Amino acid sequence: MLVEVALFVVGLVALVFGADRAVTAAAEVARFYGVSPFFIGVTLISIGTSIPEMTTSVYAATYGAGDLVVGNIVGSETSQITLAIGIVALISPIVAKRRDVMIYGGAMTVAMIIMLLTLEDGVVQRSEGVLMMLAYVNFIYTLYTNEGGEEIAEEVVEEEETPERALPRVAFGLLLVVVGGQVMVTNGVELARLIGISEYLVGLLTGLGTTTPEIVVAGIAAKGGQEGISVGAILGSNITDPVFSLGVGALVADVVVTDLGSVTMSGLYMLAVSLTVLTLFYWRRGIDRRAALLCIVLYLPTFVVL
């Protein structure tokens, strides 16, 4: 059992570290070629920080661990909207425009509802996965068209890197993500069987770990006074994971959930705390340090609702 635990931790560390390296280096390449901050924020930051969830979904679906796939996404969503928001706001209070909260928060809520409705029968088929991915792509395109390329997130990287230096770091980061994801999923499933806990619970714990890239990116941005990336990285990732990350997994193989009761309970709790935090965002035009403590407290019951 100790071997499985050690390998699980090693895989998770490689997954998170690799994602952070890949995202940072890719942002440097994009900026070097003059890609708009909008494009960097919506694609490289939001999607890039969701690489761990996507990779976990692909590997877990390949090994038939549907409970782990969904558990990972629900765990990641819940920890991002509560724990990540709280930590970032403790570093520096978050200020958000009500219009942005309506757009991103509304899209996030719709994405979560789509995921829960798709999982109602316990199976996410390949065709449904394709439709979920297309819905996400359509959202990005519509948002870009309406905003006209308006800045959504500021650049995180301070020093410009040439593609010759940054591209190898992108490749190395993605390699760590792929290898780390495979090691984590295979040993996570085996560990669940050895100690007698559900694969879904392992997925929830994994979701907490794969939230680290969002916390790191948003925390650095908040400390540097770049509030746009703080909100964009977290809310943007919470739009990506329920539809795109789950859709990627379903594209590989049908995602079959056996612990449907736990999925329903924790999924509804995820939706409830998300609406609560979004209400705080809208009402107070951001999250101050007192509201940050409330967000962190809201994360604690995550494992109790199973």
Protein backbone atom coordinates (compact mmCIF):
# COMPACT_ATOMS: atom_id res chain seq x y z
CA MET A 1 0.00 0.00 0.00
CA LEU A 2 2.86 2.39 0.78
CA VAL A 3 4.12 1.97 -2.77
CA GLU A 4 0.73 2.94 -4.22
CA VAL A 5 0.51 5.97 -1.91
CA ALA A 6 4.01 7.12 -2.84
CA LEU A 7 3.38 6.71 -6.57
CA PHE A 8 0.01 8.46 -6.29
CA VAL A 9 1.67 11.47 -4.63
CA VAL A 10 4.53 11.47 -7.15
CA GLY A 11 2.04 11.40 -10.02
CA LEU A 12 0.00 14.25 -8.56
CA VAL A 13 3.10 16.40 -7.97
CA ALA A 14 4.33 15.78 -11.53
CA LEU A 15 0.87 16.57 -12.89
CA VAL A 16 0.56 19.89 -11.07
CA PHE A 17 4.18 20.98 -11.59
CA GLY A 18 4.10 20.06 -15.28
CA ALA A 19 0.86 21.97 -15.84
CA ASP A 20 2.27 25.08 -14.19
CA ARG A 21 5.45 24.93 -16.30
CA ALA A 22 3.51 24.35 -19.53
CA VAL A 23 1.05 27.17 -18.94
CA THR A 24 3.69 29.72 -17.96
CA ALA A 25 5.93 28.92 -20.91
CA ALA A 26 3.03 28.87 -23.38
CA ALA A 27 1.95 32.32 -22.20
CA GLU A 28 5.47 33.60 -22.89
CA VAL A 29 5.36 32.21 -26.44
CA ALA A 30 1.93 33.74 -27.07
CA ARG A 31 3.05 37.14 -25.85
CA PHE A 32 6.22 36.97 -27.95
CA TYR A 33 4.11 36.52 -31.09
CA GLY A 34 1.76 39.36 -30.13
CA VAL A 35 -1.32 37.26 -29.34
CA SER A 36 -3.98 39.36 -27.60
CA PRO A 37 -4.31 39.26 -23.80
CA PHE A 38 -7.88 38.06 -24.37
CA PHE A 39 -6.64 34.98 -26.19
CA ILE A 40 -4.04 34.27 -23.51
CA GLY A 41 -6.56 34.64 -20.72
CA VAL A 42 -9.33 32.52 -22.20
CA THR A 43 -7.22 29.77 -23.76
CA LEU A 44 -3.80 29.46 -22.15
CA ILE A 45 -4.82 30.48 -18.64
CA SER A 46 -8.31 29.02 -18.30
CA ILE A 47 -7.76 25.93 -20.43
CA GLY A 48 -4.10 25.58 -19.55
CA THR A 49 -4.70 25.42 -15.81
CA SER A 50 -7.33 22.74 -16.52
CA ILE A 51 -4.76 20.44 -18.13
CA PRO A 52 -4.56 18.28 -14.96
CA GLU A 53 -8.34 17.75 -14.98
CA MET A 54 -8.34 16.96 -18.70
CA THR A 55 -5.45 14.51 -18.38
CA THR A 56 -7.02 12.82 -15.38
CA SER A 57 -10.30 12.49 -17.28
CA VAL A 58 -8.62 10.90 -20.28
CA TYR A 59 -6.64 8.36 -18.26
CA ALA A 60 -9.47 7.57 -15.88
CA ALA A 61 -11.90 7.05 -18.78
CA THR A 62 -9.35 4.81 -20.50
CA TYR A 63 -9.14 2.61 -17.40
CA GLY A 64 -12.92 2.58 -16.93
CA ALA A 65 -12.76 4.66 -13.74
CA GLY A 66 -15.79 6.86 -14.43
CA ASP A 67 -16.34 7.63 -10.75
CA LEU A 68 -12.81 9.02 -10.53
CA VAL A 69 -13.38 11.15 -13.66
CA VAL A 70 -16.48 12.82 -12.27
CA GLY A 71 -15.14 12.96 -8.71
CA ASN A 72 -12.05 14.76 -9.94
CA ILE A 73 -14.10 17.41 -11.76
CA VAL A 74 -16.62 17.94 -8.95
CA GLY A 75 -13.81 18.11 -6.41
CA SER A 76 -11.89 20.57 -8.56
CA GLU A 77 -14.94 22.76 -9.19
CA THR A 78 -15.90 22.91 -5.52
CA SER A 79 -12.38 23.62 -4.29
CA GLN A 80 -11.81 26.34 -6.89
CA ILE A 81 -14.98 28.31 -6.20
CA THR A 82 -14.51 28.10 -2.42
CA LEU A 83 -10.96 27.32 -1.31
CA ALA A 84 -9.12 28.93 -4.24
CA ILE A 85 -11.27 32.08 -4.18
CA GLY A 86 -10.80 32.31 -0.42
CA ILE A 87 -7.01 31.92 -0.52
CA VAL A 88 -6.63 34.45 -3.33
CA ALA A 89 -8.87 36.99 -1.56
CA LEU A 90 -6.86 36.57 1.64
CA ILE A 91 -3.72 37.47 -0.32
CA SER A 92 -5.43 40.47 -1.91
CA PRO A 93 -9.16 41.34 -1.86
CA ILE A 94 -10.77 40.59 -5.23
CA VAL A 95 -12.68 43.34 -7.01
CA ALA A 96 -15.01 42.29 -9.83
CA LYS A 97 -17.46 44.12 -12.06
CA ARG A 98 -21.03 42.93 -11.75
CA ARG A 99 -21.20 42.51 -15.51
CA ASP A 100 -18.23 40.13 -15.43
CA VAL A 101 -19.77 38.18 -12.56
CA MET A 102 -22.99 37.81 -14.56
CA ILE A 103 -21.18 36.64 -17.71
CA TYR A 104 -18.63 34.27 -16.23
CA GLY A 105 -20.71 33.22 -13.26
CA GLY A 106 -23.70 32.54 -15.47
CA ALA A 107 -21.63 30.50 -17.90
CA MET A 108 -20.08 28.55 -15.01
CA THR A 109 -23.50 27.77 -13.56
CA VAL A 110 -24.84 26.62 -16.93
CA ALA A 111 -21.77 24.40 -17.43
CA MET A 112 -22.33 22.75 -14.03
CA ILE A 113 -26.04 22.18 -14.74
CA ILE A 114 -25.22 20.63 -18.13
CA MET A 115 -22.78 18.23 -16.44
CA LEU A 116 -25.27 17.20 -13.75
CA LEU A 117 -28.10 16.69 -16.26
CA THR A 118 -25.82 14.63 -18.51
CA LEU A 119 -24.87 12.43 -15.54
CA GLU A 120 -28.50 11.86 -14.53
CA ASP A 121 -28.52 8.36 -16.05
CA GLY A 122 -25.00 7.57 -14.81
CA VAL A 123 -23.37 7.54 -18.26
CA VAL A 124 -21.70 10.19 -20.39
CA GLN A 125 -21.56 8.80 -23.92
CA ARG A 126 -19.09 9.80 -26.62
CA SER A 127 -21.78 11.68 -28.53
CA GLU A 128 -22.63 13.67 -25.41
CA GLY A 129 -18.96 14.36 -24.82
CA VAL A 130 -18.62 15.79 -28.33
CA LEU A 131 -21.67 18.02 -27.82
CA MET A 132 -20.29 19.27 -24.48
CA MET A 133 -16.97 20.17 -26.10
CA LEU A 134 -18.72 21.94 -28.98
CA ALA A 135 -20.85 23.91 -26.51
CA TYR A 136 -17.68 25.12 -24.80
CA VAL A 137 -16.01 26.10 -28.08
CA ASN A 138 -19.16 27.97 -29.08
CA PHE A 139 -19.12 29.85 -25.77
CA ILE A 140 -15.51 30.94 -26.29
CA TYR A 141 -16.24 32.07 -29.85
CA THR A 142 -19.39 33.97 -28.83
CA LEU A 143 -17.60 35.66 -25.94
CA TYR A 144 -14.69 36.67 -28.14
CA THR A 145 -17.05 38.05 -30.78
CA ASN A 146 -19.09 40.05 -28.26
CA GLU A 147 -16.08 41.35 -26.36
CA GLY A 148 -14.20 42.14 -29.56
CA GLY A 149 -10.91 40.92 -28.15
CA GLU A 150 -11.24 43.06 -25.01
CA GLU A 151 -8.72 42.25 -22.31
CA ILE A 152 -9.96 39.62 -19.85
CA ALA A 153 -6.75 38.72 -18.08
CA GLU A 154 -3.44 40.46 -17.68
CA GLU A 155 -0.19 38.73 -18.43
CA VAL A 156 1.36 36.86 -15.56
CA VAL A 157 4.86 36.65 -16.96
CA GLU A 158 7.03 39.67 -16.32
CA GLU A 159 10.11 38.82 -18.36
CA GLU A 160 9.80 38.07 -22.02
CA GLU A 161 11.15 34.74 -23.22
CA THR A 162 12.01 33.78 -26.78
CA PRO A 163 10.22 30.77 -28.32
CA GLU A 164 13.57 28.93 -28.51
CA ARG A 165 13.75 28.98 -24.71
CA ALA A 166 10.05 28.67 -23.92
CA LEU A 167 8.95 25.88 -26.28
CA PRO A 168 11.16 23.18 -24.69
CA ARG A 169 9.63 24.12 -21.33
CA VAL A 170 6.15 23.72 -22.82
CA ALA A 171 7.05 20.25 -24.10
CA PHE A 172 8.66 19.25 -20.80
CA GLY A 173 5.67 20.50 -18.81
CA LEU A 174 3.20 18.60 -20.97
CA LEU A 175 5.32 15.45 -20.70
CA LEU A 176 5.17 15.69 -16.91
CA VAL A 177 1.40 16.18 -17.12
CA VAL A 178 0.92 13.07 -19.26
CA VAL A 179 3.20 10.83 -17.19
CA GLY A 180 1.94 12.22 -13.89
CA GLY A 181 -1.68 11.71 -14.90
CA GLN A 182 -1.10 8.08 -15.84
CA VAL A 183 0.77 7.30 -12.61
CA MET A 184 -1.77 9.10 -10.43
CA VAL A 185 -4.89 7.49 -11.93
CA THR A 186 -3.63 3.92 -12.02
CA ASN A 187 -2.32 4.05 -8.45
CA GLY A 188 -5.31 6.05 -7.22
CA VAL A 189 -7.71 3.35 -8.39
CA GLU A 190 -5.55 0.61 -6.88
CA LEU A 191 -5.26 2.53 -3.61
CA ALA A 192 -9.04 2.93 -3.41
CA ARG A 193 -9.49 -0.81 -3.80
CA LEU A 194 -6.84 -1.63 -1.19
CA ILE A 195 -8.20 0.59 1.59
CA GLY A 196 -11.85 0.07 0.74
CA ILE A 197 -12.92 3.62 -0.15
CA SER A 198 -14.82 4.56 -3.28
CA GLU A 199 -13.06 5.67 -6.44
CA TYR A 200 -15.35 8.70 -6.37
CA LEU A 201 -13.90 9.82 -3.03
CA VAL A 202 -10.40 9.39 -4.47
CA GLY A 203 -11.53 11.58 -7.37
CA LEU A 204 -12.72 14.31 -4.98
CA LEU A 205 -9.34 14.29 -3.21
CA THR A 206 -7.57 14.36 -6.58
CA GLY A 207 -9.71 17.35 -7.60
CA LEU A 208 -8.35 19.26 -4.62
CA GLY A 209 -4.80 18.50 -5.77
CA THR A 210 -5.36 19.43 -9.41
CA THR A 211 -6.77 22.80 -8.30
CA THR A 212 -3.26 23.86 -7.29
CA PRO A 213 -2.37 25.40 -10.71
CA GLU A 214 -5.40 27.71 -10.50
CA ILE A 215 -4.53 28.72 -6.95
CA VAL A 216 -0.89 29.36 -7.86
CA VAL A 217 -1.66 31.38 -10.99
CA ALA A 218 -4.46 33.37 -9.35
CA GLY A 219 -2.43 33.91 -6.17
CA ILE A 220 0.56 35.29 -8.06
CA ALA A 221 -1.73 37.57 -10.05
CA ALA A 222 -3.50 38.80 -6.92
CA LYS A 223 -0.22 39.53 -5.17
CA GLY A 224 0.93 41.50 -8.21
CA GLY A 225 -2.28 43.51 -8.33
CA GLN A 226 -3.53 41.80 -11.50
CA GLU A 227 -7.14 41.22 -10.46
CA GLY A 228 -8.39 40.25 -13.93
CA ILE A 229 -6.34 37.07 -14.08
CA SER A 230 -7.37 36.12 -10.53
CA VAL A 231 -11.06 35.99 -11.42
CA GLY A 232 -10.53 34.87 -15.02
CA ALA A 233 -8.30 31.90 -14.18
CA ILE A 234 -10.67 30.48 -11.57
CA LEU A 235 -14.08 31.21 -13.09
CA GLY A 236 -12.76 30.44 -16.57
CA SER A 237 -11.42 27.09 -15.43
CA ASN A 238 -14.76 26.35 -13.74
CA ILE A 239 -16.42 26.81 -17.12
CA THR A 240 -13.89 24.57 -18.82
CA ASP A 241 -13.93 21.56 -16.50
CA PRO A 242 -17.62 20.53 -16.38
CA VAL A 243 -18.08 20.47 -20.14
CA PHE A 244 -14.71 20.42 -21.90
CA SER A 245 -12.64 18.33 -19.49
CA LEU A 246 -15.46 15.82 -18.97
CA GLY A 247 -16.17 15.84 -22.70
CA VAL A 248 -12.53 14.99 -23.46
CA GLY A 249 -12.76 11.98 -21.15
CA ALA A 250 -16.03 10.82 -22.71
CA LEU A 251 -14.47 11.18 -26.16
CA VAL A 252 -11.94 8.48 -25.23
CA ALA A 253 -14.51 6.11 -23.71
CA ASP A 254 -18.00 6.27 -22.27
CA VAL A 255 -17.80 7.60 -18.71
CA VAL A 256 -19.84 5.24 -16.51
CA VAL A 257 -20.63 6.31 -12.94
CA THR A 258 -21.58 3.62 -10.42
CA ASP A 259 -21.78 5.75 -7.26
CA LEU A 260 -24.61 7.90 -8.58
CA GLY A 261 -25.90 8.83 -5.12
CA SER A 262 -22.59 10.43 -4.11
CA VAL A 263 -22.32 12.17 -7.47
CA THR A 264 -25.79 13.69 -7.06
CA MET A 265 -25.25 14.85 -3.47
CA SER A 266 -21.79 16.36 -3.95
CA GLY A 267 -22.77 17.74 -7.36
CA LEU A 268 -25.74 19.59 -5.87
CA TYR A 269 -23.51 20.89 -3.08
CA MET A 270 -21.02 22.10 -5.70
CA LEU A 271 -23.82 23.99 -7.45
CA ALA A 272 -25.17 25.43 -4.18
CA VAL A 273 -21.83 26.80 -2.93
CA SER A 274 -21.05 28.15 -6.40
CA LEU A 275 -24.29 30.15 -6.41
CA THR A 276 -23.52 31.34 -2.87
CA VAL A 277 -20.04 32.61 -3.79
CA LEU A 278 -21.32 34.20 -7.00
CA THR A 279 -24.01 36.00 -4.98
CA LEU A 280 -21.27 37.36 -2.69
CA PHE A 281 -19.29 38.43 -5.76
CA TYR A 282 -22.27 40.26 -7.24
CA TRP A 283 -23.61 41.77 -4.02
CA ARG A 284 -20.26 43.02 -2.69
CA ARG A 285 -18.66 43.63 -6.13
CA GLY A 286 -15.87 41.23 -5.18
CA ILE A 287 -14.58 39.20 -2.26
CA ASP A 288 -12.91 40.90 0.71
CA ARG A 289 -10.99 39.12 3.46
CA ARG A 290 -14.05 38.50 5.64
CA ALA A 291 -15.93 36.95 2.72
CA ALA A 292 -12.78 34.98 1.90
CA LEU A 293 -12.98 33.19 5.26
CA LEU A 294 -16.60 32.27 4.51
CA CYS A 295 -15.55 30.83 1.13
CA ILE A 296 -12.91 28.65 2.79
CA VAL A 297 -15.42 27.43 5.40
CA LEU A 298 -17.84 26.49 2.61
CA TYR A 299 -15.27 24.02 1.28
CA LEU A 300 -15.11 22.01 4.51
CA PRO A 301 -18.46 20.12 4.12
CA THR A 302 -17.42 18.82 0.68
CA PHE A 303 -16.64 15.32 1.92
CA VAL A 304 -19.47 15.26 4.48
CA VAL A 305 -22.25 15.37 1.87
CA LEU A 306 -21.26 11.99 0.42
